[in-house]
């Protein structure tokens, strides 16, 4: 298998059609419609970059790639368009649902982050400036 086709384990996925596997071990799924990755500081750059490139290149059935932040209440979805371009939509509040039309399912964002406590979004730094979600306000 070429280097850029190495196996990446999928944390969560959705399928509507009959499952297709790489071989008899049934540990490499070939036809997910959606993939949901929970981002971690150590893998976030890879998940957003090279891993997503591989998904776009090698998984024709993929319609939605969803990234869930651990650092803040942020859910991002990349959706494949009919012209094969990917469009990003992001939601940073806890209310509402994320509808995944390809599998006719809705994710309730409040349930995704159930029992998660985030650090305060606004604080004052040592210079007396306010920092809101990492952005310094003067």
N, C-alpha and C. Protein backbone atom coordinates (compact mmCIF):
# COMPACT_ATOMS: atom_id res chain seq x y z
N UNK A 1 0.85 -1.17 0.00
CA UNK A 1 0.00 0.00 0.00
C UNK A 1 0.90 1.24 0.00
N UNK A 2 0.67 2.20 -0.89
CA UNK A 2 1.49 3.41 -0.92
C UNK A 2 1.44 4.15 0.41
N UNK A 3 2.50 4.92 0.68
CA UNK A 3 2.60 5.66 1.94
C UNK A 3 1.37 6.49 2.24
N UNK A 4 0.83 7.18 1.24
CA UNK A 4 -0.31 8.06 1.52
C UNK A 4 -1.63 7.31 1.60
N UNK A 5 -1.59 5.98 1.52
CA UNK A 5 -2.80 5.18 1.69
C UNK A 5 -2.74 4.35 2.97
N UNK A 6 -1.79 4.66 3.85
CA UNK A 6 -1.71 3.92 5.10
C UNK A 6 -3.02 4.03 5.86
N UNK A 7 -3.26 3.07 6.70
CA UNK A 7 -4.51 3.00 7.44
C UNK A 7 -4.54 4.07 8.53
N UNK A 8 -5.66 4.74 8.64
CA UNK A 8 -5.93 5.67 9.73
C UNK A 8 -7.20 5.16 10.39
N UNK A 9 -7.12 4.86 11.68
CA UNK A 9 -8.29 4.33 12.38
C UNK A 9 -9.34 5.42 12.52
N UNK A 10 -10.57 5.06 12.26
CA UNK A 10 -11.68 6.01 12.31
C UNK A 10 -12.35 5.93 13.67
N UNK A 11 -12.43 7.05 14.38
CA UNK A 11 -13.07 7.01 15.69
C UNK A 11 -14.58 6.82 15.61
N UNK A 12 -15.26 7.51 14.71
CA UNK A 12 -16.71 7.39 14.54
C UNK A 12 -17.01 7.54 13.06
N UNK A 13 -17.98 6.78 12.60
CA UNK A 13 -18.35 6.87 11.19
C UNK A 13 -19.80 6.49 11.03
N UNK A 14 -20.38 6.83 9.88
CA UNK A 14 -21.75 6.46 9.58
C UNK A 14 -21.83 5.86 8.19
N UNK A 15 -22.66 4.85 8.05
CA UNK A 15 -22.80 4.15 6.77
C UNK A 15 -24.28 3.96 6.51
N UNK A 16 -24.68 4.10 5.27
CA UNK A 16 -26.06 3.80 4.89
C UNK A 16 -26.13 2.55 4.04
N UNK A 17 -25.13 2.33 3.22
CA UNK A 17 -25.12 1.19 2.31
C UNK A 17 -24.49 -0.02 2.99
N UNK A 18 -24.43 -1.12 2.27
CA UNK A 18 -23.78 -2.31 2.78
C UNK A 18 -22.31 -2.00 3.04
N UNK A 19 -21.82 -2.43 4.19
CA UNK A 19 -20.43 -2.17 4.54
C UNK A 19 -19.48 -2.90 3.60
N UNK A 20 -18.46 -2.16 3.18
CA UNK A 20 -17.42 -2.74 2.32
C UNK A 20 -16.10 -2.66 3.07
N UNK A 21 -15.42 -3.80 3.19
CA UNK A 21 -14.17 -3.85 3.94
C UNK A 21 -13.00 -4.11 2.99
N UNK A 22 -11.82 -3.73 3.46
CA UNK A 22 -10.59 -3.90 2.68
C UNK A 22 -10.25 -5.38 2.50
N UNK A 23 -10.46 -6.18 3.55
CA UNK A 23 -10.13 -7.60 3.48
C UNK A 23 -10.97 -8.37 4.49
N UNK A 24 -10.66 -9.65 4.66
CA UNK A 24 -11.45 -10.51 5.54
C UNK A 24 -11.32 -10.15 7.02
N UNK A 25 -10.34 -9.33 7.39
CA UNK A 25 -10.19 -8.95 8.79
C UNK A 25 -11.26 -7.95 9.23
N UNK A 26 -11.88 -7.29 8.26
CA UNK A 26 -12.99 -6.37 8.51
C UNK A 26 -12.62 -5.24 9.47
N UNK A 27 -11.37 -4.77 9.39
CA UNK A 27 -10.94 -3.68 10.26
C UNK A 27 -10.68 -2.38 9.50
N UNK A 28 -10.82 -2.41 8.17
CA UNK A 28 -10.65 -1.21 7.35
C UNK A 28 -11.92 -1.03 6.52
N UNK A 29 -12.72 -0.05 6.89
CA UNK A 29 -13.98 0.23 6.21
C UNK A 29 -13.72 1.11 5.00
N UNK A 30 -14.28 0.74 3.86
CA UNK A 30 -14.02 1.47 2.62
C UNK A 30 -15.10 2.47 2.24
N UNK A 31 -16.30 2.41 2.83
CA UNK A 31 -17.39 3.24 2.34
C UNK A 31 -18.18 4.02 3.40
N UNK A 32 -17.50 4.71 4.33
CA UNK A 32 -18.27 5.53 5.26
C UNK A 32 -18.86 6.75 4.55
N UNK A 33 -20.02 7.20 4.99
CA UNK A 33 -20.62 8.44 4.46
C UNK A 33 -20.16 9.63 5.29
N UNK A 34 -20.04 9.44 6.59
CA UNK A 34 -19.54 10.52 7.45
C UNK A 34 -18.41 9.98 8.32
N UNK A 35 -17.53 10.89 8.72
CA UNK A 35 -16.49 10.57 9.69
C UNK A 35 -16.50 11.70 10.71
N UNK A 36 -16.50 11.33 11.98
CA UNK A 36 -16.46 12.30 13.07
C UNK A 36 -15.16 12.09 13.83
N UNK A 37 -14.33 13.13 13.88
CA UNK A 37 -13.08 13.08 14.62
C UNK A 37 -13.14 14.05 15.78
N UNK A 38 -12.75 13.58 16.97
CA UNK A 38 -12.60 14.45 18.12
C UNK A 38 -11.15 14.91 18.13
N UNK A 39 -10.96 16.22 18.04
CA UNK A 39 -9.62 16.78 17.93
C UNK A 39 -8.90 16.74 19.28
N UNK A 40 -7.62 16.45 19.22
CA UNK A 40 -6.77 16.55 20.41
C UNK A 40 -5.58 17.42 20.04
N UNK A 41 -4.97 18.07 21.02
CA UNK A 41 -3.84 18.95 20.70
C UNK A 41 -2.73 18.25 19.93
N UNK A 42 -2.49 16.98 20.22
CA UNK A 42 -1.38 16.28 19.57
C UNK A 42 -1.68 15.85 18.14
N UNK A 43 -2.95 15.74 17.75
CA UNK A 43 -3.28 15.26 16.40
C UNK A 43 -4.07 16.25 15.56
N UNK A 44 -4.40 17.42 16.11
CA UNK A 44 -5.29 18.34 15.39
C UNK A 44 -4.75 18.74 14.02
N UNK A 45 -3.48 19.08 13.93
CA UNK A 45 -2.91 19.51 12.64
C UNK A 45 -3.01 18.38 11.62
N UNK A 46 -2.71 17.16 12.02
CA UNK A 46 -2.81 16.01 11.12
C UNK A 46 -4.25 15.76 10.70
N UNK A 47 -5.19 15.82 11.67
CA UNK A 47 -6.60 15.58 11.38
C UNK A 47 -7.14 16.58 10.37
N UNK A 48 -6.75 17.84 10.51
CA UNK A 48 -7.23 18.89 9.60
C UNK A 48 -6.53 18.87 8.25
N UNK A 49 -5.31 18.37 8.23
CA UNK A 49 -4.50 18.43 7.02
C UNK A 49 -4.41 17.12 6.27
N UNK A 50 -3.36 16.37 6.56
CA UNK A 50 -3.05 15.16 5.79
C UNK A 50 -4.15 14.10 5.89
N UNK A 51 -4.69 13.90 7.08
CA UNK A 51 -5.74 12.88 7.22
C UNK A 51 -6.96 13.25 6.38
N UNK A 52 -7.39 14.52 6.43
CA UNK A 52 -8.54 14.95 5.64
C UNK A 52 -8.24 14.86 4.15
N UNK A 53 -7.01 15.15 3.74
CA UNK A 53 -6.64 15.01 2.33
C UNK A 53 -6.79 13.56 1.88
N UNK A 54 -6.34 12.64 2.72
CA UNK A 54 -6.48 11.21 2.38
C UNK A 54 -7.95 10.82 2.27
N UNK A 55 -8.76 11.26 3.22
CA UNK A 55 -10.19 10.96 3.16
C UNK A 55 -10.80 11.47 1.86
N UNK A 56 -10.51 12.73 1.50
CA UNK A 56 -11.06 13.32 0.27
C UNK A 56 -10.60 12.56 -0.96
N UNK A 57 -9.37 12.09 -0.94
CA UNK A 57 -8.77 11.44 -2.10
C UNK A 57 -9.25 10.00 -2.27
N UNK A 58 -9.34 9.25 -1.19
CA UNK A 58 -9.54 7.81 -1.29
C UNK A 58 -10.92 7.30 -0.89
N UNK A 59 -11.78 8.14 -0.31
CA UNK A 59 -13.09 7.66 0.12
C UNK A 59 -14.17 8.38 -0.68
N UNK A 60 -14.54 7.80 -1.80
CA UNK A 60 -15.54 8.41 -2.68
C UNK A 60 -16.91 8.54 -2.02
N UNK A 61 -17.23 7.65 -1.10
CA UNK A 61 -18.55 7.66 -0.46
C UNK A 61 -18.68 8.77 0.58
N UNK A 62 -17.58 9.36 1.02
CA UNK A 62 -17.60 10.34 2.10
C UNK A 62 -18.32 11.62 1.69
N UNK A 63 -19.33 12.01 2.48
CA UNK A 63 -20.06 13.25 2.22
C UNK A 63 -19.83 14.30 3.29
N UNK A 64 -19.52 13.87 4.53
CA UNK A 64 -19.35 14.80 5.64
C UNK A 64 -18.15 14.40 6.49
N UNK A 65 -17.33 15.39 6.83
CA UNK A 65 -16.22 15.20 7.77
C UNK A 65 -16.45 16.19 8.89
N UNK A 66 -16.67 15.67 10.11
CA UNK A 66 -17.03 16.50 11.25
C UNK A 66 -15.88 16.48 12.26
N UNK A 67 -15.47 17.68 12.68
CA UNK A 67 -14.40 17.83 13.67
C UNK A 67 -15.00 18.43 14.94
N UNK A 68 -14.73 17.79 16.07
CA UNK A 68 -15.25 18.23 17.35
C UNK A 68 -14.08 18.66 18.22
N UNK A 69 -14.09 19.92 18.65
CA UNK A 69 -13.01 20.46 19.47
C UNK A 69 -13.16 20.02 20.92
N UNK A 70 -12.04 19.73 21.56
CA UNK A 70 -12.03 19.48 23.00
C UNK A 70 -11.75 20.76 23.77
N UNK A 71 -11.18 21.75 23.11
CA UNK A 71 -10.73 22.97 23.78
C UNK A 71 -11.83 23.99 23.98
N UNK A 72 -12.84 23.96 23.13
CA UNK A 72 -13.94 24.93 23.19
C UNK A 72 -15.17 24.31 22.55
N UNK A 73 -16.36 24.85 22.80
CA UNK A 73 -17.57 24.29 22.19
C UNK A 73 -17.63 24.66 20.70
N UNK A 74 -16.95 23.89 19.89
CA UNK A 74 -16.86 24.16 18.45
C UNK A 74 -16.99 22.86 17.67
N UNK A 75 -17.97 22.82 16.79
CA UNK A 75 -18.16 21.68 15.89
C UNK A 75 -18.06 22.22 14.47
N UNK A 76 -17.14 21.63 13.69
CA UNK A 76 -16.95 22.05 12.31
C UNK A 76 -17.32 20.90 11.38
N UNK A 77 -18.00 21.23 10.30
CA UNK A 77 -18.36 20.20 9.34
C UNK A 77 -17.92 20.63 7.95
N UNK A 78 -17.20 19.72 7.30
CA UNK A 78 -16.88 19.88 5.88
C UNK A 78 -17.86 18.99 5.12
N UNK A 79 -18.56 19.57 4.16
CA UNK A 79 -19.55 18.83 3.37
C UNK A 79 -19.17 18.86 1.91
N UNK A 80 -19.14 17.66 1.30
CA UNK A 80 -18.81 17.54 -0.12
C UNK A 80 -19.97 18.06 -0.96
N UNK A 81 -19.66 18.92 -1.92
CA UNK A 81 -20.65 19.49 -2.82
C UNK A 81 -20.72 18.65 -4.10
N UNK A 82 -21.79 18.80 -4.89
CA UNK A 82 -21.90 18.03 -6.13
C UNK A 82 -20.71 18.21 -7.08
N UNK A 83 -20.05 19.38 -7.03
CA UNK A 83 -18.89 19.62 -7.90
C UNK A 83 -17.59 19.11 -7.27
N UNK A 84 -17.71 18.36 -6.15
CA UNK A 84 -16.60 17.73 -5.45
C UNK A 84 -15.77 18.71 -4.61
N UNK A 85 -16.23 19.95 -4.46
CA UNK A 85 -15.57 20.88 -3.55
C UNK A 85 -16.12 20.63 -2.14
N UNK A 86 -15.35 21.03 -1.14
CA UNK A 86 -15.76 20.86 0.24
C UNK A 86 -16.06 22.23 0.85
N UNK A 87 -17.19 22.34 1.54
CA UNK A 87 -17.60 23.60 2.15
C UNK A 87 -17.61 23.42 3.67
N UNK A 88 -16.99 24.39 4.36
CA UNK A 88 -16.92 24.35 5.82
C UNK A 88 -18.06 25.15 6.43
N UNK A 89 -18.68 24.57 7.45
CA UNK A 89 -19.61 25.32 8.30
C UNK A 89 -19.19 25.03 9.74
N UNK A 90 -19.23 26.06 10.57
CA UNK A 90 -18.79 25.91 11.95
C UNK A 90 -19.82 26.51 12.89
N UNK A 91 -20.01 25.86 14.02
CA UNK A 91 -20.94 26.35 15.02
C UNK A 91 -20.23 26.33 16.37
N UNK A 92 -20.28 27.46 17.07
CA UNK A 92 -19.56 27.54 18.33
C UNK A 92 -20.47 27.73 19.54
N UNK A 93 -21.77 27.57 19.37
CA UNK A 93 -22.64 27.62 20.54
C UNK A 93 -23.17 26.22 20.81
N UNK A 94 -23.66 26.01 22.02
CA UNK A 94 -24.08 24.67 22.42
C UNK A 94 -25.50 24.33 22.02
N UNK A 95 -26.32 25.31 21.73
CA UNK A 95 -27.71 25.04 21.40
C UNK A 95 -27.85 24.62 19.94
N UNK A 96 -28.87 23.82 19.68
CA UNK A 96 -29.19 23.44 18.31
C UNK A 96 -28.63 22.09 17.91
N UNK A 97 -28.95 21.71 16.70
CA UNK A 97 -28.55 20.42 16.16
C UNK A 97 -27.68 20.61 14.93
N UNK A 98 -26.87 19.61 14.68
CA UNK A 98 -26.11 19.53 13.43
C UNK A 98 -26.76 18.41 12.63
N UNK A 99 -27.45 18.74 11.55
CA UNK A 99 -28.14 17.72 10.77
C UNK A 99 -27.21 17.15 9.71
N UNK A 100 -27.11 15.84 9.70
CA UNK A 100 -26.30 15.12 8.72
C UNK A 100 -27.27 14.45 7.75
N UNK A 101 -27.58 15.15 6.68
CA UNK A 101 -28.60 14.70 5.73
C UNK A 101 -28.24 13.38 5.08
N UNK A 102 -26.96 13.14 4.86
CA UNK A 102 -26.55 11.92 4.14
C UNK A 102 -26.92 10.65 4.88
N UNK A 103 -27.07 10.73 6.21
CA UNK A 103 -27.49 9.55 6.98
C UNK A 103 -28.78 9.84 7.76
N UNK A 104 -29.42 10.98 7.46
CA UNK A 104 -30.66 11.39 8.10
C UNK A 104 -30.57 11.29 9.63
N UNK A 105 -29.60 12.02 10.17
CA UNK A 105 -29.33 11.99 11.60
C UNK A 105 -29.00 13.41 12.07
N UNK A 106 -29.37 13.72 13.29
CA UNK A 106 -29.02 15.01 13.88
C UNK A 106 -28.21 14.79 15.14
N UNK A 107 -27.13 15.56 15.27
CA UNK A 107 -26.33 15.55 16.49
C UNK A 107 -26.73 16.76 17.32
N UNK A 108 -27.12 16.51 18.55
CA UNK A 108 -27.43 17.62 19.46
C UNK A 108 -26.11 18.08 20.07
N UNK A 109 -25.74 19.32 19.78
CA UNK A 109 -24.44 19.82 20.27
C UNK A 109 -24.36 19.79 21.79
N UNK A 110 -25.46 20.07 22.48
CA UNK A 110 -25.44 20.04 23.95
C UNK A 110 -25.10 18.64 24.45
N UNK A 111 -25.54 17.61 23.74
CA UNK A 111 -25.22 16.24 24.13
C UNK A 111 -23.78 15.88 23.80
N UNK A 112 -23.26 16.43 22.70
CA UNK A 112 -21.87 16.18 22.34
C UNK A 112 -20.95 16.65 23.47
N UNK A 113 -21.29 17.79 24.07
CA UNK A 113 -20.46 18.38 25.12
C UNK A 113 -21.02 18.17 26.52
N UNK A 114 -21.93 17.20 26.69
CA UNK A 114 -22.49 16.91 28.00
C UNK A 114 -21.36 16.59 28.99
N UNK A 115 -21.40 17.20 30.15
CA UNK A 115 -20.43 17.00 31.23
C UNK A 115 -19.03 17.51 30.91
N UNK A 116 -18.90 18.39 29.92
CA UNK A 116 -17.60 19.00 29.59
C UNK A 116 -17.60 20.41 30.15
N UNK A 117 -16.54 20.77 30.86
CA UNK A 117 -16.38 22.12 31.38
C UNK A 117 -15.24 22.79 30.65
N UNK A 118 -15.51 23.95 30.09
CA UNK A 118 -14.48 24.70 29.37
C UNK A 118 -13.95 25.81 30.27
N UNK A 119 -12.68 26.20 30.07
CA UNK A 119 -12.16 27.34 30.83
C UNK A 119 -12.95 28.60 30.48
N UNK A 120 -12.92 29.56 31.36
CA UNK A 120 -13.62 30.82 31.10
C UNK A 120 -13.18 31.39 29.76
N UNK A 121 -14.13 31.91 29.01
CA UNK A 121 -13.83 32.42 27.67
C UNK A 121 -13.21 33.80 27.72
N UNK A 122 -13.47 34.56 28.78
CA UNK A 122 -12.94 35.91 28.88
C UNK A 122 -12.14 36.03 30.18
N UNK A 123 -10.94 36.57 30.07
CA UNK A 123 -10.15 36.83 31.26
C UNK A 123 -9.27 38.05 31.03
N UNK A 124 -8.73 38.57 32.12
CA UNK A 124 -7.86 39.74 32.03
C UNK A 124 -6.42 39.27 32.13
N UNK A 125 -5.57 39.72 31.19
CA UNK A 125 -4.16 39.32 31.23
C UNK A 125 -3.38 40.26 32.15
N UNK A 126 -2.09 39.97 32.40
CA UNK A 126 -1.30 40.79 33.32
C UNK A 126 -1.17 42.26 32.91
N UNK A 127 -1.36 42.58 31.63
CA UNK A 127 -1.27 43.96 31.15
C UNK A 127 -2.59 44.71 31.29
N UNK A 128 -3.60 44.08 31.88
CA UNK A 128 -4.88 44.74 32.04
C UNK A 128 -5.77 44.69 30.81
N UNK A 129 -5.37 43.89 29.82
CA UNK A 129 -6.16 43.75 28.59
C UNK A 129 -7.08 42.54 28.75
N UNK A 130 -8.20 42.59 28.06
CA UNK A 130 -9.12 41.46 28.10
C UNK A 130 -8.83 40.51 26.94
N UNK A 131 -8.91 39.22 27.24
CA UNK A 131 -8.69 38.19 26.23
C UNK A 131 -9.98 37.41 26.09
N UNK A 132 -10.54 37.41 24.89
CA UNK A 132 -11.79 36.71 24.61
C UNK A 132 -11.49 35.62 23.60
N UNK A 133 -11.63 34.36 24.04
CA UNK A 133 -11.35 33.21 23.18
C UNK A 133 -10.00 33.35 22.48
N UNK A 134 -9.00 33.75 23.22
CA UNK A 134 -7.65 33.83 22.68
C UNK A 134 -7.32 35.11 21.94
N UNK A 135 -8.28 36.03 21.78
CA UNK A 135 -8.04 37.28 21.06
C UNK A 135 -7.96 38.42 22.08
N UNK A 136 -6.87 39.17 22.02
CA UNK A 136 -6.68 40.28 22.96
C UNK A 136 -7.47 41.50 22.51
N UNK A 137 -8.25 42.06 23.44
CA UNK A 137 -9.05 43.25 23.16
C UNK A 137 -8.48 44.41 23.97
N UNK A 138 -8.28 45.54 23.33
CA UNK A 138 -7.71 46.71 24.03
C UNK A 138 -8.75 47.76 24.21
